[in-house]
Amino acid sequence: MGLVKALRGVVGTRASSPSTLYECRHCGTTLSEDAETCPTCGGEDVACYQL
């Protein structure tokens, strides 16, 4: 068994449990999926990261 396969067996793969992070591009505050503006700074530019 290869090293990568062994590690995947122990750690798992990210594809099995995808996660999404929504963040204000101005101040970095974590936002909810449906947020249109940042409650901290009022910014309207929301970044979406697939983890």
Protein backbone atom coordinates (compact mmCIF):
# COMPACT_ATOMS: atom_id res chain seq x y z
CA MET A 1 0.00 0.00 0.00
CA GLY A 2 1.32 3.43 -0.92
CA LEU A 3 1.96 6.14 1.62
CA VAL A 4 -0.76 8.41 0.22
CA LYS A 5 -3.37 5.65 0.42
CA ALA A 6 -2.36 4.86 3.98
CA LEU A 7 -2.62 8.51 5.03
CA ARG A 8 -6.02 8.91 3.35
CA GLY A 9 -7.24 5.89 5.26
CA VAL A 10 -6.19 7.41 8.57
CA VAL A 11 -7.04 11.06 7.92
CA GLY A 12 -9.84 10.72 5.40
CA THR A 13 -10.34 12.96 2.41
CA ARG A 14 -11.68 16.47 2.30
CA ALA A 15 -13.98 15.50 -0.55
CA SER A 16 -16.01 13.36 1.84
CA SER A 17 -16.92 16.39 3.97
CA PRO A 18 -16.72 19.62 1.96
CA SER A 19 -17.03 22.88 3.83
CA THR A 20 -17.62 26.46 2.70
CA LEU A 21 -16.39 29.59 4.43
CA TYR A 22 -17.96 33.01 3.81
CA GLU A 23 -15.80 35.95 4.82
CA CYS A 24 -15.85 39.74 4.53
CA ARG A 25 -13.07 40.78 2.13
CA HIS A 26 -12.61 44.08 3.97
CA CYS A 27 -12.22 43.01 7.63
CA GLY A 28 -12.10 39.19 7.56
CA THR A 29 -15.22 38.59 9.66
CA THR A 30 -16.76 35.13 9.12
CA LEU A 31 -20.26 35.52 7.67
CA SER A 32 -23.31 33.31 7.20
CA GLU A 33 -24.12 31.91 3.77
CA ASP A 34 -26.98 34.36 3.22
CA ALA A 35 -25.18 37.51 4.47
CA GLU A 36 -25.17 40.39 2.00
CA THR A 37 -23.31 42.89 4.19
CA CYS A 38 -20.81 42.54 7.02
CA PRO A 39 -22.28 43.41 10.44
CA THR A 40 -18.81 44.46 11.67
CA CYS A 41 -17.69 46.94 9.00
CA GLY A 42 -20.68 47.26 6.64
CA GLY A 43 -18.67 45.86 3.72
CA GLU A 44 -20.63 44.33 0.84
CA ASP A 45 -17.87 42.25 -0.75
CA VAL A 46 -18.17 38.65 0.49
CA ALA A 47 -15.55 36.01 -0.32
CA CYS A 48 -16.55 32.35 -0.60
CA TYR A 49 -13.91 29.65 0.02
CA GLN A 50 -14.44 25.94 -0.64
CA LEU A 51 -12.40 23.97 1.92
